[in-house]
């Protein structure tokens, strides 16, 4: 028995869009905040492969066991591995699952079990290759597969979808905090392995006012390379939450002098930037503390684990904004749990 798709088969990827597209050719799904993967089952053999082609099965034994327990003995499914805490997504807990120690993996699989959110079927339970069929047909086959094999599963869930543009907009608005955004897919196209031509991602972009608690020099010359951002917690401590870069080259000399005049320890009175990691150089781990006087407005797409997940976009300086008003409350907006989409 063999599958028609190899385990190094690349998943379809998404291009970026600013607005949710509308029209009968589109359907919409939640953009889950996790690890994208393809799961290949061929009898007792199972591979779970990341988007970059790395094997994930050993890190998620509970998902491996769940997939092998299905009565279907062959299939290839496309989905997203997520971990939830307090009914919301926790990317930090998900990252902890990638650990070298087998004992730690076993403990985490029980303490923070993952869920595989499934949204596409590439090979069905009869071993037929569906990748050349349009999404409308693949999704119908996936829903039939889920009804037959997944109803008793709590570790493998069918990701919701809608063809209703207004429903997609409501998802985007209601889940603006915990949901990563919306995925729009063309229902009239086959699976575009490794390409970005049939799927769009629309992220929730928000803004926050942050204190500049420090900065790092660039790697080539002693000019500012990035600003280190801070927000005050309920105890009045300034916590490091991320960074912003992309500063205009022409502005860097004057800005560097301005920042150097404000150098003052400790910079951050709560959590502070760490030292260099195994991925960074010694110099990239160094930073300069500043007096908490400067405020900037930045744009971000996701805030989790008390920090911005990715780098932020600097929008403007806010000289009229009091630094003490820049609090974590801005980014901890109350919003509905994305798991309500599954109920």
C-alpha atoms as a PDB file:
ATOM      1  CA  UNK A   1       0.000   0.000   0.000  1.00  0.00           C
ATOM      2  CA  UNK A   2       1.377   3.419  -0.922  1.00  0.00           C
ATOM      3  CA  UNK A   3       0.144   6.992  -1.106  1.00  0.00           C
ATOM      4  CA  UNK A   4      -0.014   8.969  -4.371  1.00  0.00           C
ATOM      5  CA  UNK A   5       1.663  11.997  -2.726  1.00  0.00           C
ATOM      6  CA  UNK A   6       5.193  11.961  -1.234  1.00  0.00           C
ATOM      7  CA  UNK A   7       5.862  13.116   2.340  1.00  0.00           C
ATOM      8  CA  UNK A   8       7.852  16.092   1.024  1.00  0.00           C
ATOM      9  CA  UNK A   9       4.759  17.357  -0.827  1.00  0.00           C
ATOM     10  CA  UNK A  10       4.576  21.109  -0.187  1.00  0.00           C
ATOM     11  CA  UNK A  11       1.387  22.576   1.286  1.00  0.00           C
ATOM     12  CA  UNK A  12      -0.521  25.303  -0.524  1.00  0.00           C
ATOM     13  CA  UNK A  13       0.418  28.738   0.817  1.00  0.00           C
ATOM     14  CA  UNK A  14      -1.363  32.065   1.124  1.00  0.00           C
ATOM     15  CA  UNK A  15      -0.626  35.473  -0.330  1.00  0.00           C
ATOM     16  CA  UNK A  16      -1.299  38.523   1.845  1.00  0.00           C
ATOM     17  CA  UNK A  17      -4.276  40.818   1.333  1.00  0.00           C
ATOM     18  CA  UNK A  18      -5.507  43.910   3.144  1.00  0.00           C
ATOM     19  CA  UNK A  19      -9.219  43.268   2.645  1.00  0.00           C
ATOM     20  CA  UNK A  20     -11.387  40.164   2.661  1.00  0.00           C
ATOM     21  CA  UNK A  21     -12.314  39.404  -0.976  1.00  0.00           C
ATOM     22  CA  UNK A  22     -15.946  38.850  -1.879  1.00  0.00           C
ATOM     23  CA  UNK A  23     -17.689  36.872  -4.580  1.00  0.00           C
ATOM     24  CA  UNK A  24     -19.107  33.401  -5.262  1.00  0.00           C
ATOM     25  CA  UNK A  25     -15.630  32.029  -6.017  1.00  0.00           C
ATOM     26  CA  UNK A  26     -14.456  32.503  -2.401  1.00  0.00           C
ATOM     27  CA  UNK A  27     -14.929  30.634   0.864  1.00  0.00           C
ATOM     28  CA  UNK A  28     -13.585  31.644   4.251  1.00  0.00           C
ATOM     29  CA  UNK A  29     -11.931  29.947   7.225  1.00  0.00           C
ATOM     30  CA  UNK A  30     -10.433  31.102  10.529  1.00  0.00           C
ATOM     31  CA  UNK A  31      -6.683  31.674  10.427  1.00  0.00           C
ATOM     32  CA  UNK A  32      -5.543  29.508  13.319  1.00  0.00           C
ATOM     33  CA  UNK A  33      -2.401  30.558  15.172  1.00  0.00           C
ATOM     34  CA  UNK A  34      -0.348  27.382  15.141  1.00  0.00           C
ATOM     35  CA  UNK A  35       1.909  25.064  13.136  1.00  0.00           C
ATOM     36  CA  UNK A  36       0.747  24.307   9.598  1.00  0.00           C
ATOM     37  CA  UNK A  37       1.256  20.658   8.714  1.00  0.00           C
ATOM     38  CA  UNK A  38       0.341  17.799   6.394  1.00  0.00           C
ATOM     39  CA  UNK A  39      -0.431  14.390   7.926  1.00  0.00           C
ATOM     40  CA  UNK A  40       0.305  11.298   5.805  1.00  0.00           C
ATOM     41  CA  UNK A  41      -1.071   7.938   6.912  1.00  0.00           C
ATOM     42  CA  UNK A  42      -0.272   4.748   5.061  1.00  0.00           C
ATOM     43  CA  UNK A  43      -1.388   1.779   7.137  1.00  0.00           C
ATOM     44  CA  UNK A  44       0.625   1.794  10.383  1.00  0.00           C
ATOM     45  CA  UNK A  45       3.055   4.399   9.025  1.00  0.00           C
ATOM     46  CA  UNK A  46       2.338   8.025   9.903  1.00  0.00           C
ATOM     47  CA  UNK A  47       4.228  11.209   9.080  1.00  0.00           C
ATOM     48  CA  UNK A  48       3.309  14.699  10.226  1.00  0.00           C
ATOM     49  CA  UNK A  49       5.311  17.243   8.241  1.00  0.00           C
ATOM     50  CA  UNK A  50       5.651  20.973   8.894  1.00  0.00           C
ATOM     51  CA  UNK A  51       5.359  23.591   6.179  1.00  0.00           C
ATOM     52  CA  UNK A  52       9.158  23.710   6.010  1.00  0.00           C
ATOM     53  CA  UNK A  53       9.366  19.928   5.623  1.00  0.00           C
ATOM     54  CA  UNK A  54      10.366  19.091   9.211  1.00  0.00           C
ATOM     55  CA  UNK A  55       8.880  15.971  10.882  1.00  0.00           C
ATOM     56  CA  UNK A  56       6.614  16.791  13.829  1.00  0.00           C
ATOM     57  CA  UNK A  57       5.153  13.444  14.885  1.00  0.00           C
ATOM     58  CA  UNK A  58       7.585  12.816  17.763  1.00  0.00           C
ATOM     59  CA  UNK A  59       6.716  16.168  19.358  1.00  0.00           C
ATOM     60  CA  UNK A  60       2.974  15.509  19.302  1.00  0.00           C
ATOM     61  CA  UNK A  61       2.454  11.876  20.383  1.00  0.00           C
ATOM     62  CA  UNK A  62      -1.189  12.547  21.261  1.00  0.00           C
ATOM     63  CA  UNK A  63      -1.887  13.668  17.680  1.00  0.00           C
ATOM     64  CA  UNK A  64       0.037  10.737  16.261  1.00  0.00           C
ATOM     65  CA  UNK A  65      -1.990   8.337  18.403  1.00  0.00           C
ATOM     66  CA  UNK A  66      -5.256  10.012  17.413  1.00  0.00           C
ATOM     67  CA  UNK A  67      -4.481   9.805  13.696  1.00  0.00           C
ATOM     68  CA  UNK A  68      -3.421   6.164  13.951  1.00  0.00           C
ATOM     69  CA  UNK A  69      -6.600   5.324  15.867  1.00  0.00           C
ATOM     70  CA  UNK A  70      -8.824   6.382  12.961  1.00  0.00           C
ATOM     71  CA  UNK A  71     -10.506   3.548  11.086  1.00  0.00           C
ATOM     72  CA  UNK A  72      -9.272   5.081   7.833  1.00  0.00           C
ATOM     73  CA  UNK A  73      -5.946   3.422   7.058  1.00  0.00           C
ATOM     74  CA  UNK A  74      -4.773   5.830   4.398  1.00  0.00           C
ATOM     75  CA  UNK A  75      -5.190   9.556   3.858  1.00  0.00           C
ATOM     76  CA  UNK A  76      -3.367  12.864   3.515  1.00  0.00           C
ATOM     77  CA  UNK A  77      -4.896  15.817   5.335  1.00  0.00           C
ATOM     78  CA  UNK A  78      -3.918  19.468   5.575  1.00  0.00           C
ATOM     79  CA  UNK A  79      -4.357  21.273   8.862  1.00  0.00           C
ATOM     80  CA  UNK A  80      -2.977  23.359  11.719  1.00  0.00           C
ATOM     81  CA  UNK A  81      -1.660  22.183  15.075  1.00  0.00           C
ATOM     82  CA  UNK A  82      -2.839  24.449  17.898  1.00  0.00           C
ATOM     83  CA  UNK A  83      -2.658  24.504  21.687  1.00  0.00           C
ATOM     84  CA  UNK A  84      -5.282  26.249  23.789  1.00  0.00           C
ATOM     85  CA  UNK A  85      -5.197  27.647  27.294  1.00  0.00           C
ATOM     86  CA  UNK A  86      -8.310  29.032  28.986  1.00  0.00           C
ATOM     87  CA  UNK A  87     -10.209  28.504  25.722  1.00  0.00           C
ATOM     88  CA  UNK A  88      -7.915  30.721  23.701  1.00  0.00           C
ATOM     89  CA  UNK A  89      -4.913  29.955  21.503  1.00  0.00           C
ATOM     90  CA  UNK A  90      -1.479  29.829  23.134  1.00  0.00           C
ATOM     91  CA  UNK A  91       1.388  29.942  20.662  1.00  0.00           C
ATOM     92  CA  UNK A  92       3.893  30.064  23.519  1.00  0.00           C
ATOM     93  CA  UNK A  93       2.643  26.714  24.831  1.00  0.00           C
ATOM     94  CA  UNK A  94       2.792  25.353  21.298  1.00  0.00           C
ATOM     95  CA  UNK A  95       6.434  26.416  20.942  1.00  0.00           C
ATOM     96  CA  UNK A  96       7.302  24.598  24.166  1.00  0.00           C
ATOM     97  CA  UNK A  97       6.183  21.336  22.558  1.00  0.00           C
ATOM     98  CA  UNK A  98       9.288  21.319  20.347  1.00  0.00           C
ATOM     99  CA  UNK A  99      11.666  19.854  22.927  1.00  0.00           C
ATOM    100  CA  UNK A 100      14.587  17.416  22.577  1.00  0.00           C
ATOM    101  CA  UNK A 101      13.802  15.386  25.717  1.00  0.00           C
ATOM    102  CA  UNK A 102      11.360  12.497  25.265  1.00  0.00           C
ATOM    103  CA  UNK A 103      10.223  12.705  28.894  1.00  0.00           C
ATOM    104  CA  UNK A 104       9.438  16.401  28.530  1.00  0.00           C
ATOM    105  CA  UNK A 105       7.493  15.767  25.323  1.00  0.00           C
ATOM    106  CA  UNK A 106       5.435  13.100  27.097  1.00  0.00           C
ATOM    107  CA  UNK A 107       4.629  15.405  30.022  1.00  0.00           C
ATOM    108  CA  UNK A 108       3.698  18.321  27.770  1.00  0.00           C
ATOM    109  CA  UNK A 109       1.462  16.117  25.647  1.00  0.00           C
ATOM    110  CA  UNK A 110      -0.609  15.604  28.791  1.00  0.00           C
ATOM    111  CA  UNK A 111      -0.291  19.098  30.304  1.00  0.00           C
ATOM    112  CA  UNK A 112      -0.837  21.099  27.102  1.00  0.00           C
ATOM    113  CA  UNK A 113      -2.286  18.677  24.539  1.00  0.00           C
ATOM    114  CA  UNK A 114      -2.511  19.867  20.969  1.00  0.00           C
ATOM    115  CA  UNK A 115      -5.463  19.797  18.595  1.00  0.00           C
ATOM    116  CA  UNK A 116      -5.212  19.278  14.847  1.00  0.00           C
ATOM    117  CA  UNK A 117      -7.616  21.602  13.028  1.00  0.00           C
ATOM    118  CA  UNK A 118      -8.240  19.976   9.633  1.00  0.00           C
ATOM    119  CA  UNK A 119      -9.257  22.050   6.595  1.00  0.00           C
ATOM    120  CA  UNK A 120      -8.338  20.078   3.452  1.00  0.00           C
ATOM    121  CA  UNK A 121      -8.241  16.476   2.229  1.00  0.00           C
ATOM    122  CA  UNK A 122      -5.621  15.640  -0.408  1.00  0.00           C
ATOM    123  CA  UNK A 123      -5.863  11.840  -0.401  1.00  0.00           C
ATOM    124  CA  UNK A 124      -9.055  10.109   0.711  1.00  0.00           C
ATOM    125  CA  UNK A 125      -9.537   6.892   2.680  1.00  0.00           C
ATOM    126  CA  UNK A 126      -9.484   4.860  -0.547  1.00  0.00           C
ATOM    127  CA  UNK A 127      -6.087   6.245  -1.494  1.00  0.00           C
ATOM    128  CA  UNK A 128      -7.416   8.477  -4.280  1.00  0.00           C
ATOM    129  CA  UNK A 129      -5.490  11.659  -5.073  1.00  0.00           C
ATOM    130  CA  UNK A 130      -7.836  14.648  -4.670  1.00  0.00           C
ATOM    131  CA  UNK A 131      -5.220  17.384  -5.120  1.00  0.00           C
ATOM    132  CA  UNK A 132      -6.238  18.031  -8.740  1.00  0.00           C
ATOM    133  CA  UNK A 133      -9.881  18.507  -7.805  1.00  0.00           C
ATOM    134  CA  UNK A 134     -11.273  21.957  -7.029  1.00  0.00           C
ATOM    135  CA  UNK A 135     -11.632  23.000  -3.391  1.00  0.00           C
ATOM    136  CA  UNK A 136     -15.423  22.711  -3.497  1.00  0.00           C
ATOM    137  CA  UNK A 137     -15.078  18.977  -4.201  1.00  0.00           C
ATOM    138  CA  UNK A 138     -12.198  18.479  -1.747  1.00  0.00           C
ATOM    139  CA  UNK A 139     -14.074  20.191   1.064  1.00  0.00           C
ATOM    140  CA  UNK A 140     -17.165  18.055   0.463  1.00  0.00           C
ATOM    141  CA  UNK A 141     -14.950  14.955   0.613  1.00  0.00           C
ATOM    142  CA  UNK A 142     -13.308  16.250   3.814  1.00  0.00           C
ATOM    143  CA  UNK A 143     -16.674  16.792   5.513  1.00  0.00           C
ATOM    144  CA  UNK A 144     -17.723  13.268   4.569  1.00  0.00           C
ATOM    145  CA  UNK A 145     -14.395  11.980   5.930  1.00  0.00           C
ATOM    146  CA  UNK A 146     -14.919  13.918   9.176  1.00  0.00           C
ATOM    147  CA  UNK A 147     -18.478  12.647   9.614  1.00  0.00           C
ATOM    148  CA  UNK A 148     -17.282   9.075   9.129  1.00  0.00           C
ATOM    149  CA  UNK A 149     -14.058   9.095  11.152  1.00  0.00           C
ATOM    150  CA  UNK A 150     -13.714  12.171  13.399  1.00  0.00           C
ATOM    151  CA  UNK A 151     -16.955  12.421  15.355  1.00  0.00           C
ATOM    152  CA  UNK A 152     -15.540  10.566  18.372  1.00  0.00           C
ATOM    153  CA  UNK A 153     -12.235  12.475  18.280  1.00  0.00           C
ATOM    154  CA  UNK A 154     -11.379  15.437  20.499  1.00  0.00           C
ATOM    155  CA  UNK A 155      -7.782  15.857  19.293  1.00  0.00           C
ATOM    156  CA  UNK A 156      -8.729  16.164  15.602  1.00  0.00           C
ATOM    157  CA  UNK A 157     -11.350  18.751  14.676  1.00  0.00           C
ATOM    158  CA  UNK A 158     -12.882  19.931  11.439  1.00  0.00           C
ATOM    159  CA  UNK A 159     -12.090  23.605  10.961  1.00  0.00           C
ATOM    160  CA  UNK A 160     -15.224  25.634  10.156  1.00  0.00           C
ATOM    161  CA  UNK A 161     -15.767  27.366   6.842  1.00  0.00           C
ATOM    162  CA  UNK A 162     -18.346  29.669   5.349  1.00  0.00           C
ATOM    163  CA  UNK A 163     -19.272  30.949   1.888  1.00  0.00           C
ATOM    164  CA  UNK A 164     -21.056  33.934   3.462  1.00  0.00           C
ATOM    165  CA  UNK A 165     -19.010  37.135   3.198  1.00  0.00           C
ATOM    166  CA  UNK A 166     -20.907  38.777   6.074  1.00  0.00           C
ATOM    167  CA  UNK A 167     -20.215  35.808   8.339  1.00  0.00           C
ATOM    168  CA  UNK A 168     -16.502  36.022   7.480  1.00  0.00           C
ATOM    169  CA  UNK A 169     -16.490  39.729   8.348  1.00  0.00           C
ATOM    170  CA  UNK A 170     -18.221  38.953  11.640  1.00  0.00           C
ATOM    171  CA  UNK A 171     -15.572  36.329  12.467  1.00  0.00           C
ATOM    172  CA  UNK A 172     -12.860  38.837  11.670  1.00  0.00           C
ATOM    173  CA  UNK A 173     -14.394  41.439  13.980  1.00  0.00           C
ATOM    174  CA  UNK A 174     -15.545  39.195  16.845  1.00  0.00           C
ATOM    175  CA  UNK A 175     -12.284  37.289  17.113  1.00  0.00           C
ATOM    176  CA  UNK A 176      -9.975  40.264  16.612  1.00  0.00           C
ATOM    177  CA  UNK A 177      -7.941  39.460  19.722  1.00  0.00           C
ATOM    178  CA  UNK A 178      -7.393  35.700  19.858  1.00  0.00           C
ATOM    179  CA  UNK A 179      -7.855  34.851  16.168  1.00  0.00           C
ATOM    180  CA  UNK A 180      -4.962  35.463  13.780  1.00  0.00           C
ATOM    181  CA  UNK A 181      -7.250  36.602  10.963  1.00  0.00           C
ATOM    182  CA  UNK A 182      -9.203  35.108   8.073  1.00  0.00           C
ATOM    183  CA  UNK A 183      -8.156  32.785   5.245  1.00  0.00           C
ATOM    184  CA  UNK A 184      -9.946  33.194   1.904  1.00  0.00           C
ATOM    185  CA  UNK A 185      -9.730  30.320  -0.603  1.00  0.00           C
ATOM    186  CA  UNK A 186     -10.828  29.973  -4.215  1.00  0.00           C
ATOM    187  CA  UNK A 187     -13.440  27.209  -4.369  1.00  0.00           C
ATOM    188  CA  UNK A 188     -12.965  26.739  -8.121  1.00  0.00           C
ATOM    189  CA  UNK A 189      -9.278  25.833  -8.118  1.00  0.00           C
ATOM    190  CA  UNK A 190      -7.233  22.685  -7.433  1.00  0.00           C
ATOM    191  CA  UNK A 191      -4.708  22.417  -4.621  1.00  0.00           C
ATOM    192  CA  UNK A 192      -1.771  24.669  -5.511  1.00  0.00           C
ATOM    193  CA  UNK A 193       1.144  22.854  -3.861  1.00  0.00           C
ATOM    194  CA  UNK A 194       3.872  25.278  -2.788  1.00  0.00           C
ATOM    195  CA  UNK A 195       2.180  28.240  -4.485  1.00  0.00           C
ATOM    196  CA  UNK A 196       0.309  31.356  -3.335  1.00  0.00           C
ATOM    197  CA  UNK A 197      -2.203  31.686  -6.161  1.00  0.00           C
ATOM    198  CA  UNK A 198      -5.413  30.254  -4.681  1.00  0.00           C
ATOM    199  CA  UNK A 199      -5.442  31.411  -1.071  1.00  0.00           C
ATOM    200  CA  UNK A 200      -5.254  34.760   0.735  1.00  0.00           C
ATOM    201  CA  UNK A 201      -4.579  35.599   4.368  1.00  0.00           C
ATOM    202  CA  UNK A 202      -6.079  38.709   5.893  1.00  0.00           C
ATOM    203  CA  UNK A 203      -4.595  39.476   9.290  1.00  0.00           C
ATOM    204  CA  UNK A 204      -6.055  41.512  12.113  1.00  0.00           C
ATOM    205  CA  UNK A 205      -3.846  44.613  12.190  1.00  0.00           C
ATOM    206  CA  UNK A 206      -4.102  46.758  15.306  1.00  0.00           C
ATOM    207  CA  UNK A 207      -2.178  49.651  16.833  1.00  0.00           C
ATOM    208  CA  UNK A 208      -0.743  50.377  20.268  1.00  0.00           C
ATOM    209  CA  UNK A 209       1.122  53.246  21.908  1.00  0.00           C
ATOM    210  CA  UNK A 210       4.378  52.034  23.465  1.00  0.00           C
ATOM    211  CA  UNK A 211       7.185  53.492  25.531  1.00  0.00           C
ATOM    212  CA  UNK A 212      10.653  53.296  23.996  1.00  0.00           C
ATOM    213  CA  UNK A 213      12.519  51.646  26.874  1.00  0.00           C
ATOM    214  CA  UNK A 214      15.721  50.970  24.969  1.00  0.00           C
ATOM    215  CA  UNK A 215      17.320  50.544  21.568  1.00  0.00           C
ATOM    216  CA  UNK A 216      19.837  48.427  19.721  1.00  0.00           C
ATOM    217  CA  UNK A 217      22.533  49.651  17.392  1.00  0.00           C
ATOM    218  CA  UNK A 218      22.608  48.364  13.851  1.00  0.00           C
ATOM    219  CA  UNK A 219      25.161  45.716  12.936  1.00  0.00           C
ATOM    220  CA  UNK A 220      27.159  47.710  10.355  1.00  0.00           C
ATOM    221  CA  UNK A 221      27.621  51.096  12.009  1.00  0.00           C
ATOM    222  CA  UNK A 222      26.882  52.755  15.329  1.00  0.00           C
ATOM    223  CA  UNK A 223      23.461  54.037  14.355  1.00  0.00           C
ATOM    224  CA  UNK A 224      20.147  52.956  15.829  1.00  0.00           C
ATOM    225  CA  UNK A 225      18.864  49.728  14.303  1.00  0.00           C
ATOM    226  CA  UNK A 226      15.712  49.033  16.309  1.00  0.00           C
ATOM    227  CA  UNK A 227      13.633  50.484  19.126  1.00  0.00           C
ATOM    228  CA  UNK A 228      12.707  48.294  22.107  1.00  0.00           C
ATOM    229  CA  UNK A 229       9.094  48.711  23.151  1.00  0.00           C
ATOM    230  CA  UNK A 230       7.564  48.628  26.603  1.00  0.00           C
ATOM    231  CA  UNK A 231       4.124  48.681  28.213  1.00  0.00           C
ATOM    232  CA  UNK A 232       3.240  49.257  31.864  1.00  0.00           C
ATOM    233  CA  UNK A 233       1.496  46.531  33.864  1.00  0.00           C
ATOM    234  CA  UNK A 234      -0.962  46.950  36.745  1.00  0.00           C
ATOM    235  CA  UNK A 235       1.932  47.207  39.212  1.00  0.00           C
ATOM    236  CA  UNK A 236       3.412  50.151  37.320  1.00  0.00           C
ATOM    237  CA  UNK A 237       6.368  48.184  35.942  1.00  0.00           C
ATOM    238  CA  UNK A 238       7.542  48.784  32.387  1.00  0.00           C
ATOM    239  CA  UNK A 239       7.765  45.428  30.583  1.00  0.00           C
ATOM    240  CA  UNK A 240       9.569  44.751  27.339  1.00  0.00           C
ATOM    241  CA  UNK A 241       6.992  43.610  24.750  1.00  0.00           C
ATOM    242  CA  UNK A 242       8.823  43.684  21.434  1.00  0.00           C
ATOM    243  CA  UNK A 243      10.622  45.891  18.950  1.00  0.00           C
ATOM    244  CA  UNK A 244      10.153  48.023  15.893  1.00  0.00           C
ATOM    245  CA  UNK A 245      12.648  48.634  13.103  1.00  0.00           C
ATOM    246  CA  UNK A 246      12.434  49.833   9.524  1.00  0.00           C
ATOM    247  CA  UNK A 247      13.642  53.283  10.526  1.00  0.00           C
ATOM    248  CA  UNK A 248      14.358  55.678   7.672  1.00  0.00           C
ATOM    249  CA  UNK A 249      18.090  55.779   6.929  1.00  0.00           C
ATOM    250  CA  UNK A 250      18.113  59.586   6.632  1.00  0.00           C
ATOM    251  CA  UNK A 251      16.640  59.931  10.123  1.00  0.00           C
ATOM    252  CA  UNK A 252      18.977  57.551  11.902  1.00  0.00           C
ATOM    253  CA  UNK A 253      21.912  59.930  12.677  1.00  0.00           C
ATOM    254  CA  UNK A 254      19.711  62.531  14.395  1.00  0.00           C
ATOM    255  CA  UNK A 255      17.601  59.864  16.110  1.00  0.00           C
ATOM    256  CA  UNK A 256      20.715  58.097  17.391  1.00  0.00           C
ATOM    257  CA  UNK A 257      21.952  61.317  19.024  1.00  0.00           C
ATOM    258  CA  UNK A 258      18.528  61.876  20.565  1.00  0.00           C
ATOM    259  CA  UNK A 259      18.421  58.379  21.992  1.00  0.00           C
ATOM    260  CA  UNK A 260      22.011  58.465  23.275  1.00  0.00           C
ATOM    261  CA  UNK A 261      21.139  61.611  25.246  1.00  0.00           C
ATOM    262  CA  UNK A 262      18.390  59.642  27.016  1.00  0.00           C
ATOM    263  CA  UNK A 263      20.505  56.636  28.028  1.00  0.00           C
ATOM    264  CA  UNK A 264      19.651  55.711  31.589  1.00  0.00           C
ATOM    265  CA  UNK A 265      19.359  52.434  33.468  1.00  0.00           C
ATOM    266  CA  UNK A 266      17.371  50.312  33.950  1.00  0.00           C
ATOM    267  CA  UNK A 267      15.219  51.113  30.901  1.00  0.00           C
ATOM    268  CA  UNK A 268      12.707  48.380  31.716  1.00  0.00           C
ATOM    269  CA  UNK A 269      11.645  47.934  35.341  1.00  0.00           C
ATOM    270  CA  UNK A 270       9.687  44.725  34.715  1.00  0.00           C
ATOM    271  CA  UNK A 271      10.644  42.065  32.164  1.00  0.00           C
ATOM    272  CA  UNK A 272      13.641  43.152  30.109  1.00  0.00           C
ATOM    273  CA  UNK A 273      15.147  42.044  26.791  1.00  0.00           C
ATOM    274  CA  UNK A 274      17.190  38.884  27.137  1.00  0.00           C
ATOM    275  CA  UNK A 275      20.748  38.329  26.055  1.00  0.00           C
ATOM    276  CA  UNK A 276      21.802  36.783  22.767  1.00  0.00           C
ATOM    277  CA  UNK A 277      20.127  33.533  21.806  1.00  0.00           C
ATOM    278  CA  UNK A 278      21.603  30.645  19.870  1.00  0.00           C
ATOM    279  CA  UNK A 279      20.261  32.262  16.688  1.00  0.00           C
ATOM    280  CA  UNK A 280      21.685  35.728  17.308  1.00  0.00           C
ATOM    281  CA  UNK A 281      25.151  37.194  17.474  1.00  0.00           C
ATOM    282  CA  UNK A 282      26.630  38.562  20.689  1.00  0.00           C
ATOM    283  CA  UNK A 283      26.161  42.090  19.422  1.00  0.00           C
ATOM    284  CA  UNK A 284      22.505  41.578  18.440  1.00  0.00           C
ATOM    285  CA  UNK A 285      21.785  40.632  22.056  1.00  0.00           C
ATOM    286  CA  UNK A 286      23.159  43.913  23.385  1.00  0.00           C
ATOM    287  CA  UNK A 287      20.822  46.834  24.046  1.00  0.00           C
ATOM    288  CA  UNK A 288      20.931  50.339  25.483  1.00  0.00           C
ATOM    289  CA  UNK A 289      18.479  51.340  28.273  1.00  0.00           C
ATOM    290  CA  UNK A 290      16.595  54.615  28.019  1.00  0.00           C
ATOM    291  CA  UNK A 291      14.707  56.926  30.327  1.00  0.00           C
ATOM    292  CA  UNK A 292      10.991  56.227  29.742  1.00  0.00           C
ATOM    293  CA  UNK A 293      10.191  59.494  27.983  1.00  0.00           C
ATOM    294  CA  UNK A 294       9.524  58.650  24.333  1.00  0.00           C
ATOM    295  CA  UNK A 295       6.277  57.174  23.001  1.00  0.00           C
ATOM    296  CA  UNK A 296       5.615  55.675  19.582  1.00  0.00           C
ATOM    297  CA  UNK A 297       2.501  54.290  17.919  1.00  0.00           C
ATOM    298  CA  UNK A 298       3.100  50.932  16.249  1.00  0.00           C
ATOM    299  CA  UNK A 299       1.036  48.539  14.171  1.00  0.00           C
ATOM    300  CA  UNK A 300       1.030  44.840  15.034  1.00  0.00           C
ATOM    301  CA  UNK A 301      -0.751  41.677  13.979  1.00  0.00           C
ATOM    302  CA  UNK A 302      -0.612  39.481  17.066  1.00  0.00           C
ATOM    303  CA  UNK A 303       0.087  39.833  20.774  1.00  0.00           C
ATOM    304  CA  UNK A 304       0.538  36.700  22.872  1.00  0.00           C
ATOM    305  CA  UNK A 305       2.498  35.663  25.926  1.00  0.00           C
ATOM    306  CA  UNK A 306       2.911  39.332  26.964  1.00  0.00           C
ATOM    307  CA  UNK A 307       4.719  40.343  23.802  1.00  0.00           C
ATOM    308  CA  UNK A 308       4.265  41.153  20.125  1.00  0.00           C
ATOM    309  CA  UNK A 309       4.758  37.936  18.181  1.00  0.00           C
ATOM    310  CA  UNK A 310       6.450  39.608  15.227  1.00  0.00           C
ATOM    311  CA  UNK A 311       8.217  42.884  14.690  1.00  0.00           C
ATOM    312  CA  UNK A 312       5.914  45.898  14.599  1.00  0.00           C
ATOM    313  CA  UNK A 313       5.575  48.738  12.111  1.00  0.00           C
ATOM    314  CA  UNK A 314       6.430  52.208  13.363  1.00  0.00           C
ATOM    315  CA  UNK A 315       3.568  54.550  12.487  1.00  0.00           C
ATOM    316  CA  UNK A 316       4.475  57.793  14.252  1.00  0.00           C
ATOM    317  CA  UNK A 317       5.975  59.404  17.318  1.00  0.00           C
ATOM    318  CA  UNK A 318       3.511  60.472  20.036  1.00  0.00           C
ATOM    319  CA  UNK A 319       5.104  63.443  21.899  1.00  0.00           C
ATOM    320  CA  UNK A 320       1.688  64.386  23.317  1.00  0.00           C
ATOM    321  CA  UNK A 321       1.153  60.955  24.893  1.00  0.00           C
ATOM    322  CA  UNK A 322       2.070  60.416  28.553  1.00  0.00           C
ATOM    323  CA  UNK A 323       4.353  57.346  28.859  1.00  0.00           C
ATOM    324  CA  UNK A 324       2.489  56.102  31.955  1.00  0.00           C
ATOM    325  CA  UNK A 325      -0.680  55.831  29.862  1.00  0.00           C
ATOM    326  CA  UNK A 326       0.934  53.172  27.673  1.00  0.00           C
ATOM    327  CA  UNK A 327      -0.381  50.079  29.426  1.00  0.00           C
ATOM    328  CA  UNK A 328      -0.892  46.412  28.659  1.00  0.00           C
ATOM    329  CA  UNK A 329      -4.654  46.998  28.694  1.00  0.00           C
ATOM    330  CA  UNK A 330      -4.348  48.235  25.095  1.00  0.00           C
ATOM    331  CA  UNK A 331      -3.371  44.797  23.819  1.00  0.00           C
ATOM    332  CA  UNK A 332      -5.407  42.662  26.200  1.00  0.00           C
ATOM    333  CA  UNK A 333      -8.740  43.435  24.640  1.00  0.00           C
ATOM    334  CA  UNK A 334     -11.679  41.328  25.713  1.00  0.00           C
ATOM    335  CA  UNK A 335     -12.976  39.344  22.781  1.00  0.00           C
ATOM    336  CA  UNK A 336     -14.784  36.113  22.135  1.00  0.00           C
ATOM    337  CA  UNK A 337     -12.880  32.844  22.230  1.00  0.00           C
ATOM    338  CA  UNK A 338     -12.170  31.493  18.734  1.00  0.00           C
ATOM    339  CA  UNK A 339     -13.254  28.070  19.989  1.00  0.00           C
ATOM    340  CA  UNK A 340     -16.869  29.268  19.911  1.00  0.00           C
ATOM    341  CA  UNK A 341     -16.604  28.821  16.134  1.00  0.00           C
ATOM    342  CA  UNK A 342     -16.514  25.075  16.759  1.00  0.00           C
ATOM    343  CA  UNK A 343     -19.625  24.896  18.931  1.00  0.00           C
END
